[in-house]
Amino acid sequence: MTSPLQELSDTLSERMPDEDIVSSIAYDELTLTVRASHVVKVLTFLRDDMDCQFRQLVDITAVDYPERVKRFEVVYHLLSLTRNQRLRVKLLVADGETVPTATGVFKAAGWFERETWDMFGIMFSDHPDLRRILTDYGFSGHPLRKDFPLTGHVEVRYSEEEKRVVYEPVSLRQDFRTFDYQSPWEGGDYAIPPADDDETDEKEA
């Protein structure tokens, strides 16, 4: 018996043969890998087709694989309340490559694409308001890239002398340390010290 996810995968392959869709099912989840240039058409079909009805955009995010030529995977999570199904659409994107905005298909894509731009530096063409949303305006770089330094590039503080917020190079007050988070009960080296012989004699007396 064919599973509902396999039926959906077959339906999409039949109805969109020119979109070069690669589908895979793993852990009871269907993932479609499409070209960035086709993403708007695919999302529109998934929203409007009566056999799909994925009318809710849950999230847009990305994953960074710096060793790849196309280092980013842009991921769209869709939900069909009518069919009670979830679907993942994935794009492979190189550094500096732009992705068409999905704001014309899902209004919720506006903030999600801004978050993806802010955290990963992935550009979305024709976005109505593509600017930082989680970091401040003077922030340098994109913090969820794997090559972003753990300490960041600058630190922010309020200067009493200048009466304003100032940006300065990062200065670490201490080196990174390795902390042991085991409690004494789990460490194995913890032992109760033996009682003094004199104290034992006094108690017995």
N, C-alpha and C. Protein backbone atom coordinates (compact mmCIF):
# COMPACT_ATOMS: atom_id res chain seq x y z
N MET A 1 0.85 -1.20 0.00
CA MET A 1 0.00 0.00 0.00
C MET A 1 0.89 1.25 0.00
N THR A 2 0.61 2.19 -0.88
CA THR A 2 1.41 3.41 -1.01
C THR A 2 1.06 4.37 0.12
N SER A 3 2.09 4.94 0.74
CA SER A 3 1.87 5.88 1.84
C SER A 3 1.38 7.22 1.28
N PRO A 4 0.67 8.01 2.12
CA PRO A 4 0.23 9.34 1.65
C PRO A 4 1.37 10.23 1.20
N LEU A 5 2.53 10.14 1.87
CA LEU A 5 3.67 10.96 1.47
C LEU A 5 4.20 10.54 0.10
N GLN A 6 4.22 9.23 -0.16
CA GLN A 6 4.67 8.76 -1.47
C GLN A 6 3.68 9.16 -2.56
N GLU A 7 2.40 9.11 -2.25
CA GLU A 7 1.39 9.55 -3.21
C GLU A 7 1.57 11.03 -3.54
N LEU A 8 1.82 11.83 -2.50
CA LEU A 8 2.04 13.26 -2.72
C LEU A 8 3.29 13.49 -3.56
N SER A 9 4.34 12.75 -3.27
CA SER A 9 5.59 12.88 -4.04
C SER A 9 5.36 12.53 -5.50
N ASP A 10 4.62 11.45 -5.76
CA ASP A 10 4.33 11.05 -7.14
C ASP A 10 3.48 12.09 -7.85
N THR A 11 2.52 12.66 -7.12
CA THR A 11 1.65 13.68 -7.71
C THR A 11 2.45 14.91 -8.13
N LEU A 12 3.37 15.34 -7.28
CA LEU A 12 4.17 16.52 -7.59
C LEU A 12 5.09 16.26 -8.78
N SER A 13 5.65 15.06 -8.86
CA SER A 13 6.52 14.73 -9.99
C SER A 13 5.76 14.72 -11.31
N GLU A 14 4.50 14.23 -11.28
CA GLU A 14 3.68 14.18 -12.49
C GLU A 14 3.23 15.56 -12.94
N ARG A 15 2.86 16.41 -12.00
CA ARG A 15 2.27 17.70 -12.35
C ARG A 15 3.29 18.80 -12.56
N MET A 16 4.50 18.61 -12.08
CA MET A 16 5.54 19.62 -12.31
C MET A 16 6.80 18.94 -12.87
N PRO A 17 6.69 18.37 -14.05
CA PRO A 17 7.84 17.62 -14.61
C PRO A 17 9.01 18.51 -15.02
N ASP A 18 8.76 19.80 -15.25
CA ASP A 18 9.81 20.69 -15.74
C ASP A 18 10.55 21.41 -14.62
N GLU A 19 10.20 21.14 -13.38
CA GLU A 19 10.80 21.89 -12.27
C GLU A 19 12.03 21.21 -11.65
N ASP A 20 12.41 20.05 -12.18
CA ASP A 20 13.59 19.33 -11.67
C ASP A 20 13.51 19.10 -10.16
N ILE A 21 12.37 18.62 -9.72
CA ILE A 21 12.17 18.37 -8.29
C ILE A 21 12.77 17.02 -7.91
N VAL A 22 13.58 17.02 -6.87
CA VAL A 22 14.11 15.79 -6.30
C VAL A 22 13.44 15.58 -4.95
N SER A 23 12.70 14.49 -4.82
CA SER A 23 11.96 14.25 -3.58
C SER A 23 12.59 13.09 -2.82
N SER A 24 12.50 13.16 -1.49
CA SER A 24 13.01 12.10 -0.64
C SER A 24 12.14 12.01 0.60
N ILE A 25 11.94 10.79 1.09
CA ILE A 25 11.16 10.56 2.30
C ILE A 25 12.08 9.93 3.34
N ALA A 26 12.19 10.58 4.49
CA ALA A 26 13.00 10.06 5.59
C ALA A 26 12.36 10.47 6.90
N TYR A 27 12.31 9.53 7.84
CA TYR A 27 11.72 9.77 9.15
C TYR A 27 10.27 10.28 9.04
N ASP A 28 9.52 9.69 8.08
CA ASP A 28 8.12 10.06 7.85
C ASP A 28 7.96 11.54 7.49
N GLU A 29 8.95 12.08 6.78
CA GLU A 29 8.87 13.47 6.32
C GLU A 29 9.28 13.52 4.85
N LEU A 30 8.55 14.33 4.09
CA LEU A 30 8.82 14.49 2.66
C LEU A 30 9.60 15.78 2.44
N THR A 31 10.72 15.68 1.73
CA THR A 31 11.54 16.84 1.41
C THR A 31 11.66 16.96 -0.10
N LEU A 32 11.41 18.16 -0.61
CA LEU A 32 11.56 18.46 -2.03
C LEU A 32 12.75 19.39 -2.21
N THR A 33 13.68 19.01 -3.06
CA THR A 33 14.82 19.87 -3.39
C THR A 33 14.58 20.44 -4.77
N VAL A 34 14.53 21.78 -4.86
CA VAL A 34 14.22 22.45 -6.12
C VAL A 34 15.29 23.50 -6.40
N ARG A 35 15.28 24.01 -7.64
CA ARG A 35 16.18 25.10 -8.00
C ARG A 35 15.67 26.40 -7.41
N ALA A 36 16.60 27.29 -7.07
CA ALA A 36 16.21 28.57 -6.49
C ALA A 36 15.32 29.37 -7.44
N SER A 37 15.60 29.28 -8.73
CA SER A 37 14.81 30.04 -9.71
C SER A 37 13.38 29.52 -9.84
N HIS A 38 13.11 28.30 -9.36
CA HIS A 38 11.78 27.72 -9.49
C HIS A 38 10.99 27.77 -8.19
N VAL A 39 11.56 28.32 -7.13
CA VAL A 39 10.93 28.16 -5.81
C VAL A 39 9.57 28.86 -5.74
N VAL A 40 9.42 30.02 -6.35
CA VAL A 40 8.14 30.73 -6.28
C VAL A 40 7.05 29.94 -6.98
N LYS A 41 7.37 29.39 -8.14
CA LYS A 41 6.39 28.58 -8.87
C LYS A 41 6.00 27.33 -8.09
N VAL A 42 6.98 26.68 -7.47
CA VAL A 42 6.69 25.47 -6.70
C VAL A 42 5.86 25.80 -5.47
N LEU A 43 6.20 26.85 -4.74
CA LEU A 43 5.44 27.23 -3.56
C LEU A 43 4.02 27.62 -3.91
N THR A 44 3.85 28.30 -5.02
CA THR A 44 2.50 28.69 -5.47
C THR A 44 1.67 27.45 -5.79
N PHE A 45 2.27 26.48 -6.48
CA PHE A 45 1.55 25.25 -6.79
C PHE A 45 1.17 24.51 -5.51
N LEU A 46 2.09 24.40 -4.57
CA LEU A 46 1.82 23.69 -3.32
C LEU A 46 0.71 24.38 -2.52
N ARG A 47 0.61 25.67 -2.62
CA ARG A 47 -0.44 26.40 -1.91
C ARG A 47 -1.80 26.25 -2.58
N ASP A 48 -1.86 26.31 -3.92
CA ASP A 48 -3.13 26.42 -4.62
C ASP A 48 -3.70 25.10 -5.11
N ASP A 49 -2.87 24.10 -5.35
CA ASP A 49 -3.39 22.83 -5.88
C ASP A 49 -4.29 22.16 -4.85
N MET A 50 -5.44 21.65 -5.30
CA MET A 50 -6.42 21.07 -4.39
C MET A 50 -5.94 19.77 -3.76
N ASP A 51 -4.97 19.11 -4.37
CA ASP A 51 -4.43 17.89 -3.78
C ASP A 51 -3.27 18.18 -2.83
N CYS A 52 -2.89 19.44 -2.72
CA CYS A 52 -1.79 19.82 -1.82
C CYS A 52 -2.32 20.70 -0.68
N GLN A 53 -2.71 21.92 -1.03
CA GLN A 53 -3.28 22.87 -0.07
C GLN A 53 -2.34 23.16 1.10
N PHE A 54 -1.05 23.33 0.80
CA PHE A 54 -0.10 23.75 1.84
C PHE A 54 -0.18 25.28 1.94
N ARG A 55 -1.14 25.74 2.71
CA ARG A 55 -1.46 27.16 2.76
C ARG A 55 -0.85 27.89 3.95
N GLN A 56 -0.05 27.20 4.73
CA GLN A 56 0.58 27.85 5.88
C GLN A 56 2.09 27.68 5.80
N LEU A 57 2.78 28.81 5.78
CA LEU A 57 4.25 28.81 5.83
C LEU A 57 4.65 28.87 7.30
N VAL A 58 5.25 27.79 7.79
CA VAL A 58 5.62 27.70 9.20
C VAL A 58 6.94 28.41 9.48
N ASP A 59 7.89 28.28 8.56
CA ASP A 59 9.23 28.82 8.84
C ASP A 59 10.06 28.84 7.56
N ILE A 60 11.01 29.76 7.52
CA ILE A 60 12.10 29.75 6.53
C ILE A 60 13.39 29.90 7.31
N THR A 61 14.33 29.02 7.05
CA THR A 61 15.63 29.12 7.71
C THR A 61 16.70 28.62 6.75
N ALA A 62 17.91 28.46 7.23
CA ALA A 62 19.01 28.00 6.38
C ALA A 62 19.97 27.16 7.20
N VAL A 63 20.81 26.42 6.50
CA VAL A 63 21.88 25.63 7.11
C VAL A 63 23.15 25.93 6.32
N ASP A 64 24.26 26.04 7.03
CA ASP A 64 25.53 26.42 6.40
C ASP A 64 26.47 25.23 6.35
N TYR A 65 26.94 24.90 5.14
CA TYR A 65 27.96 23.87 4.93
C TYR A 65 29.13 24.53 4.20
N PRO A 66 30.09 25.14 4.91
CA PRO A 66 31.13 25.95 4.25
C PRO A 66 31.99 25.17 3.27
N GLU A 67 32.08 23.85 3.42
CA GLU A 67 32.94 23.06 2.54
C GLU A 67 32.33 22.84 1.16
N ARG A 68 31.05 23.13 1.00
CA ARG A 68 30.38 22.92 -0.29
C ARG A 68 30.52 24.14 -1.19
N VAL A 69 30.42 23.91 -2.50
CA VAL A 69 30.39 25.03 -3.45
C VAL A 69 29.13 25.85 -3.22
N LYS A 70 27.99 25.17 -3.16
CA LYS A 70 26.73 25.83 -2.76
C LYS A 70 26.58 25.60 -1.26
N ARG A 71 27.11 26.53 -0.49
CA ARG A 71 27.31 26.28 0.94
C ARG A 71 26.03 26.34 1.76
N PHE A 72 24.98 26.97 1.25
CA PHE A 72 23.77 27.14 2.04
C PHE A 72 22.63 26.26 1.53
N GLU A 73 21.83 25.77 2.46
CA GLU A 73 20.54 25.16 2.14
C GLU A 73 19.46 26.05 2.75
N VAL A 74 18.65 26.66 1.90
CA VAL A 74 17.51 27.44 2.37
C VAL A 74 16.32 26.49 2.48
N VAL A 75 15.67 26.49 3.63
CA VAL A 75 14.65 25.49 3.93
C VAL A 75 13.32 26.18 4.24
N TYR A 76 12.26 25.73 3.57
CA TYR A 76 10.90 26.22 3.79
C TYR A 76 10.09 25.08 4.41
N HIS A 77 9.40 25.36 5.51
CA HIS A 77 8.53 24.37 6.14
C HIS A 77 7.08 24.78 5.92
N LEU A 78 6.31 23.89 5.29
CA LEU A 78 4.92 24.16 4.95
C LEU A 78 4.00 23.21 5.70
N LEU A 79 2.77 23.67 5.94
CA LEU A 79 1.77 22.88 6.64
C LEU A 79 0.45 22.94 5.88
N SER A 80 -0.17 21.77 5.69
CA SER A 80 -1.50 21.68 5.11
C SER A 80 -2.45 21.22 6.21
N LEU A 81 -3.27 22.14 6.70
CA LEU A 81 -4.25 21.78 7.73
C LEU A 81 -5.33 20.87 7.15
N THR A 82 -5.66 21.06 5.88
CA THR A 82 -6.70 20.24 5.24
C THR A 82 -6.26 18.79 5.15
N ARG A 83 -5.02 18.55 4.74
CA ARG A 83 -4.51 17.19 4.57
C ARG A 83 -3.78 16.67 5.81
N ASN A 84 -3.59 17.55 6.78
CA ASN A 84 -2.85 17.19 7.99
C ASN A 84 -1.47 16.63 7.62
N GLN A 85 -0.75 17.39 6.80
CA GLN A 85 0.58 16.98 6.35
C GLN A 85 1.55 18.15 6.44
N ARG A 86 2.81 17.80 6.63
CA ARG A 86 3.88 18.78 6.61
C ARG A 86 4.82 18.47 5.44
N LEU A 87 5.48 19.51 4.95
CA LEU A 87 6.34 19.36 3.78
C LEU A 87 7.53 20.30 3.92
N ARG A 88 8.68 19.83 3.47
CA ARG A 88 9.89 20.65 3.49
C ARG A 88 10.35 20.88 2.06
N VAL A 89 10.60 22.15 1.72
CA VAL A 89 11.15 22.52 0.41
C VAL A 89 12.55 23.08 0.66
N LYS A 90 13.52 22.60 -0.12
CA LYS A 90 14.91 22.94 0.14
C LYS A 90 15.57 23.44 -1.14
N LEU A 91 16.42 24.47 -0.99
CA LEU A 91 17.19 25.03 -2.11
C LEU A 91 18.67 24.97 -1.77
N LEU A 92 19.51 24.74 -2.77
CA LEU A 92 20.96 24.82 -2.60
C LEU A 92 21.43 26.15 -3.17
N VAL A 93 22.11 26.95 -2.34
CA VAL A 93 22.44 28.32 -2.70
C VAL A 93 23.92 28.58 -2.42
N ALA A 94 24.61 29.18 -3.38
CA ALA A 94 26.02 29.55 -3.20
C ALA A 94 26.11 30.89 -2.49
N ASP A 95 27.27 31.16 -1.90
CA ASP A 95 27.50 32.44 -1.25
C ASP A 95 27.44 33.56 -2.29
N GLY A 96 26.61 34.56 -2.04
CA GLY A 96 26.44 35.66 -2.97
C GLY A 96 25.29 35.46 -3.95
N GLU A 97 24.73 34.26 -4.03
CA GLU A 97 23.61 34.00 -4.93
C GLU A 97 22.31 34.48 -4.29
N THR A 98 21.43 35.05 -5.09
CA THR A 98 20.16 35.55 -4.57
C THR A 98 19.05 34.54 -4.79
N VAL A 99 18.06 34.61 -3.90
CA VAL A 99 16.89 33.74 -3.96
C VAL A 99 15.66 34.62 -4.18
N PRO A 100 14.75 34.26 -5.08
CA PRO A 100 13.55 35.07 -5.26
C PRO A 100 12.72 35.09 -3.97
N THR A 101 12.19 36.24 -3.64
CA THR A 101 11.38 36.35 -2.43
C THR A 101 10.06 35.58 -2.57
N ALA A 102 9.60 35.02 -1.46
CA ALA A 102 8.33 34.30 -1.44
C ALA A 102 7.22 35.14 -0.82
N THR A 103 7.47 36.44 -0.65
CA THR A 103 6.46 37.29 -0.02
C THR A 103 5.19 37.43 -0.86
N GLY A 104 5.31 37.22 -2.16
CA GLY A 104 4.12 37.27 -3.01
C GLY A 104 3.24 36.03 -2.88
N VAL A 105 3.79 34.95 -2.31
CA VAL A 105 3.04 33.71 -2.11
C VAL A 105 2.54 33.62 -0.68
N PHE A 106 3.43 33.90 0.27
CA PHE A 106 3.09 33.89 1.69
C PHE A 106 3.56 35.20 2.31
N LYS A 107 2.64 35.96 2.91
CA LYS A 107 3.03 37.22 3.54
C LYS A 107 3.99 37.00 4.71
N ALA A 108 3.85 35.85 5.38
CA ALA A 108 4.72 35.55 6.52
C ALA A 108 6.18 35.42 6.11
N ALA A 109 6.45 35.23 4.82
CA ALA A 109 7.83 35.08 4.37
C ALA A 109 8.65 36.34 4.60
N GLY A 110 8.01 37.48 4.75
CA GLY A 110 8.73 38.74 4.91
C GLY A 110 9.69 38.72 6.09
N TRP A 111 9.17 38.39 7.27
CA TRP A 111 10.02 38.38 8.46
C TRP A 111 10.98 37.20 8.43
N PHE A 112 10.53 36.04 7.95
CA PHE A 112 11.41 34.87 7.90
C PHE A 112 12.61 35.12 7.00
N GLU A 113 12.39 35.77 5.86
CA GLU A 113 13.50 36.06 4.95
C GLU A 113 14.44 37.10 5.54
N ARG A 114 13.90 38.04 6.29
CA ARG A 114 14.76 39.02 6.97
C ARG A 114 15.64 38.32 8.01
N GLU A 115 15.08 37.36 8.73
CA GLU A 115 15.88 36.61 9.71
C GLU A 115 16.99 35.82 9.01
N THR A 116 16.65 35.20 7.89
CA THR A 116 17.64 34.41 7.15
C THR A 116 18.74 35.30 6.60
N TRP A 117 18.38 36.48 6.10
CA TRP A 117 19.39 37.43 5.64
C TRP A 117 20.28 37.88 6.80
N ASP A 118 19.67 38.19 7.94
CA ASP A 118 20.41 38.69 9.08
C ASP A 118 21.38 37.65 9.62
N MET A 119 20.93 36.41 9.76
CA MET A 119 21.74 35.37 10.38
C MET A 119 22.76 34.72 9.42
N PHE A 120 22.40 34.63 8.12
CA PHE A 120 23.25 33.90 7.17
C PHE A 120 23.78 34.77 6.03
N GLY A 121 23.19 35.93 5.79
CA GLY A 121 23.64 36.78 4.69
C GLY A 121 23.14 36.35 3.33
N ILE A 122 22.03 35.61 3.28
CA ILE A 122 21.45 35.17 2.00
C ILE A 122 20.49 36.25 1.50
N MET A 123 20.73 36.72 0.29
CA MET A 123 19.91 37.79 -0.28
C MET A 123 18.64 37.24 -0.90
N PHE A 124 17.53 37.97 -0.73
CA PHE A 124 16.25 37.62 -1.35
C PHE A 124 15.86 38.77 -2.27
N SER A 125 15.88 38.50 -3.57
CA SER A 125 15.60 39.55 -4.54
C SER A 125 14.13 39.96 -4.49
N ASP A 126 13.90 41.25 -4.70
CA ASP A 126 12.56 41.86 -4.73
C ASP A 126 11.85 41.81 -3.38
N HIS A 127 12.61 41.60 -2.31
CA HIS A 127 11.99 41.67 -0.97
C HIS A 127 11.64 43.12 -0.67
N PRO A 128 10.45 43.39 -0.12
CA PRO A 128 10.04 44.79 0.07
C PRO A 128 10.81 45.53 1.16
N ASP A 129 11.45 44.82 2.10
CA ASP A 129 12.09 45.52 3.21
C ASP A 129 13.18 44.63 3.81
N LEU A 130 14.20 44.31 3.03
CA LEU A 130 15.24 43.39 3.48
C LEU A 130 16.29 44.14 4.30
N ARG A 131 16.18 44.06 5.61
CA ARG A 131 17.15 44.66 6.53
C ARG A 131 17.21 43.81 7.78
N ARG A 132 18.18 44.09 8.63
CA ARG A 132 18.39 43.29 9.83
C ARG A 132 17.16 43.33 10.73
N ILE A 133 16.95 42.21 11.44
CA ILE A 133 15.77 42.13 12.30
C ILE A 133 16.11 41.60 13.68
N LEU A 134 17.18 40.83 13.82
CA LEU A 134 17.57 40.27 15.12
C LEU A 134 18.82 40.94 15.69
N THR A 135 19.69 41.44 14.84
CA THR A 135 20.88 42.17 15.31
C THR A 135 20.66 43.66 15.07
N ASP A 136 21.56 44.50 15.60
CA ASP A 136 21.38 45.94 15.42
C ASP A 136 21.99 46.40 14.09
N TYR A 137 21.78 47.69 13.79
CA TYR A 137 22.16 48.20 12.48
C TYR A 137 23.66 48.22 12.27
N GLY A 138 24.44 48.36 13.32
CA GLY A 138 25.88 48.42 13.17
C GLY A 138 26.56 47.07 13.26
N PHE A 139 25.78 45.99 13.29
CA PHE A 139 26.36 44.66 13.46
C PHE A 139 27.16 44.27 12.23
N SER A 140 28.29 43.61 12.46
CA SER A 140 29.17 43.21 11.36
C SER A 140 29.12 41.71 11.18
N GLY A 141 28.78 41.25 9.97
CA GLY A 141 28.77 39.83 9.67
C GLY A 141 27.42 39.18 9.92
N HIS A 142 27.40 37.86 9.82
CA HIS A 142 26.17 37.08 9.95
C HIS A 142 26.44 35.93 10.92
N PRO A 143 25.86 35.98 12.12
CA PRO A 143 26.33 35.15 13.23
C PRO A 143 26.08 33.65 13.13
N LEU A 144 25.19 33.18 12.25
CA LEU A 144 24.96 31.75 12.15
C LEU A 144 25.79 31.09 11.05
N ARG A 145 26.66 31.85 10.39
CA ARG A 145 27.61 31.22 9.48
C ARG A 145 28.66 30.47 10.29
N LYS A 146 29.09 29.33 9.79
CA LYS A 146 30.02 28.51 10.54
C LYS A 146 31.40 29.17 10.71
N ASP A 147 31.74 30.12 9.82
CA ASP A 147 33.05 30.78 9.94
C ASP A 147 32.98 32.08 10.73
N PHE A 148 31.83 32.37 11.35
CA PHE A 148 31.71 33.57 12.18
C PHE A 148 32.41 33.31 13.52
N PRO A 149 33.28 34.21 13.98
CA PRO A 149 34.01 33.96 15.24
C PRO A 149 33.09 33.88 16.44
N LEU A 150 33.42 33.02 17.39
CA LEU A 150 32.59 32.84 18.57
C LEU A 150 32.45 34.11 19.39
N THR A 151 33.47 34.96 19.35
CA THR A 151 33.44 36.19 20.15
C THR A 151 32.80 37.35 19.40
N GLY A 152 32.51 37.18 18.11
CA GLY A 152 32.03 38.31 17.32
C GLY A 152 33.19 39.21 16.90
N HIS A 153 32.87 40.31 16.27
CA HIS A 153 33.90 41.25 15.79
C HIS A 153 34.03 42.47 16.71
N VAL A 154 32.92 42.94 17.22
CA VAL A 154 32.93 44.12 18.10
C VAL A 154 32.05 43.85 19.31
N GLU A 155 32.24 44.66 20.36
CA GLU A 155 31.37 44.60 21.52
C GLU A 155 30.77 45.99 21.76
N VAL A 156 29.65 46.02 22.41
CA VAL A 156 28.89 47.26 22.60
C VAL A 156 28.85 47.58 24.09
N ARG A 157 29.04 48.85 24.41
CA ARG A 157 28.88 49.28 25.80
C ARG A 157 28.44 50.74 25.82
N TYR A 158 27.90 51.16 26.97
CA TYR A 158 27.51 52.56 27.12
C TYR A 158 28.67 53.32 27.75
N SER A 159 29.09 54.38 27.10
CA SER A 159 30.20 55.19 27.58
C SER A 159 29.67 56.36 28.41
N GLU A 160 30.07 56.40 29.68
CA GLU A 160 29.67 57.51 30.54
C GLU A 160 30.33 58.81 30.09
N GLU A 161 31.56 58.70 29.57
CA GLU A 161 32.25 59.91 29.14
C GLU A 161 31.57 60.53 27.93
N GLU A 162 31.20 59.69 26.94
CA GLU A 162 30.60 60.20 25.71
C GLU A 162 29.07 60.25 25.78
N LYS A 163 28.49 59.63 26.82
CA LYS A 163 27.04 59.62 27.00
C LYS A 163 26.31 59.01 25.80
N ARG A 164 26.89 57.93 25.30
CA ARG A 164 26.25 57.24 24.18
C ARG A 164 26.79 55.80 24.11
N VAL A 165 26.12 54.99 23.28
CA VAL A 165 26.59 53.62 23.06
C VAL A 165 27.75 53.64 22.09
N VAL A 166 28.82 52.92 22.42
CA VAL A 166 30.01 52.89 21.57
C VAL A 166 30.33 51.45 21.20
N TYR A 167 30.92 51.29 20.03
CA TYR A 167 31.37 49.99 19.53
C TYR A 167 32.89 49.92 19.66
N GLU A 168 33.39 48.82 20.19
CA GLU A 168 34.82 48.65 20.38
C GLU A 168 35.24 47.25 19.95
N PRO A 169 36.52 47.07 19.59
CA PRO A 169 37.00 45.70 19.30
C PRO A 169 36.81 44.81 20.52
N VAL A 170 36.56 43.54 20.29
CA VAL A 170 36.34 42.60 21.38
C VAL A 170 37.61 42.47 22.22
N SER A 171 37.46 42.60 23.53
CA SER A 171 38.58 42.38 24.44
C SER A 171 38.12 41.38 25.50
N LEU A 172 38.74 40.20 25.50
CA LEU A 172 38.35 39.16 26.44
C LEU A 172 39.09 39.35 27.76
N ARG A 173 38.35 39.37 28.83
CA ARG A 173 38.94 39.53 30.16
C ARG A 173 39.61 38.23 30.62
N GLN A 174 39.24 37.09 30.04
CA GLN A 174 39.83 35.82 30.40
C GLN A 174 39.81 34.91 29.19
N ASP A 175 40.69 33.93 29.19
CA ASP A 175 40.72 32.97 28.10
C ASP A 175 39.54 32.02 28.21
N PHE A 176 39.23 31.34 27.09
CA PHE A 176 38.21 30.31 27.16
C PHE A 176 38.67 29.21 28.10
N ARG A 177 37.77 28.72 28.91
CA ARG A 177 38.11 27.68 29.87
C ARG A 177 37.32 26.41 29.57
N THR A 178 37.86 25.31 30.07
CA THR A 178 37.13 24.04 30.01
C THR A 178 36.54 23.79 31.38
N PHE A 179 35.22 23.76 31.44
CA PHE A 179 34.55 23.59 32.71
C PHE A 179 34.11 22.14 32.88
N ASP A 180 34.21 21.62 34.10
CA ASP A 180 33.74 20.29 34.44
C ASP A 180 32.38 20.44 35.09
N TYR A 181 31.35 19.99 34.39
CA TYR A 181 29.99 20.18 34.88
C TYR A 181 29.49 19.01 35.73
N GLN A 182 30.36 18.02 36.03
CA GLN A 182 29.92 16.92 36.86
C GLN A 182 29.81 17.35 38.32
N SER A 183 28.78 16.86 38.97
CA SER A 183 28.64 17.13 40.38
C SER A 183 29.55 16.19 41.16
N PRO A 184 29.83 16.47 42.43
CA PRO A 184 30.69 15.58 43.22
C PRO A 184 30.17 14.14 43.28
N TRP A 185 28.86 13.98 43.13
CA TRP A 185 28.29 12.64 43.21
C TRP A 185 28.58 11.83 41.95
N GLU A 186 28.89 12.53 40.82
CA GLU A 186 29.14 11.82 39.56
C GLU A 186 30.62 11.76 39.21
N GLY A 187 31.45 12.52 39.92
CA GLY A 187 32.84 12.65 39.54
C GLY A 187 33.66 11.40 39.77
N GLY A 188 33.36 10.64 40.80
CA GLY A 188 34.11 9.42 41.07
C GLY A 188 35.32 9.63 41.94
N ASP A 189 35.86 10.88 41.98
CA ASP A 189 37.05 11.14 42.79
C ASP A 189 36.69 11.68 44.16
N TYR A 190 35.41 11.89 44.38
CA TYR A 190 35.00 12.48 45.65
C TYR A 190 34.86 11.39 46.69
N ALA A 191 35.47 11.59 47.83
CA ALA A 191 35.39 10.61 48.92
C ALA A 191 35.27 11.33 50.25
N ILE A 192 34.54 10.76 51.19
CA ILE A 192 34.39 11.34 52.51
C ILE A 192 35.68 11.09 53.29
N PRO A 193 36.31 12.12 53.83
CA PRO A 193 37.57 11.90 54.57
C PRO A 193 37.32 11.08 55.82
N PRO A 194 38.27 10.22 56.17
CA PRO A 194 38.09 9.40 57.39
C PRO A 194 38.11 10.26 58.64
N ALA A 195 37.36 9.83 59.66
CA ALA A 195 37.32 10.58 60.92
C ALA A 195 38.63 10.43 61.66
N ASP A 196 38.99 11.46 62.43
CA ASP A 196 40.20 11.43 63.26
C ASP A 196 40.08 10.37 64.35
N ASP A 197 41.19 9.67 64.68
CA ASP A 197 41.15 8.66 65.73
C ASP A 197 40.83 9.29 67.07
N ASP A 198 41.35 10.52 67.35
CA ASP A 198 41.11 11.16 68.64
C ASP A 198 39.63 11.45 68.84
N GLU A 199 38.99 11.95 67.73
CA GLU A 199 37.58 12.27 67.82
C GLU A 199 36.75 11.02 68.05
N THR A 200 37.17 9.91 67.40
CA THR A 200 36.44 8.66 67.57
C THR A 200 36.53 8.17 69.01
N ASP A 201 37.73 8.29 69.64
CA ASP A 201 37.90 7.85 71.02
C ASP A 201 37.06 8.67 71.98
N GLU A 202 36.98 10.01 71.72
CA GLU A 202 36.20 10.88 72.60
C GLU A 202 34.71 10.51 72.55
N LYS A 203 34.22 10.22 71.33
CA LYS A 203 32.79 9.87 71.19
C LYS A 203 32.48 8.56 71.91
N GLU A 204 33.43 7.59 71.83
CA GLU A 204 33.20 6.30 72.48
C GLU A 204 33.24 6.45 74.00
N ALA A 205 34.12 7.38 74.51
CA ALA A 205 34.20 7.59 75.94
C ALA A 205 32.94 8.29 76.43
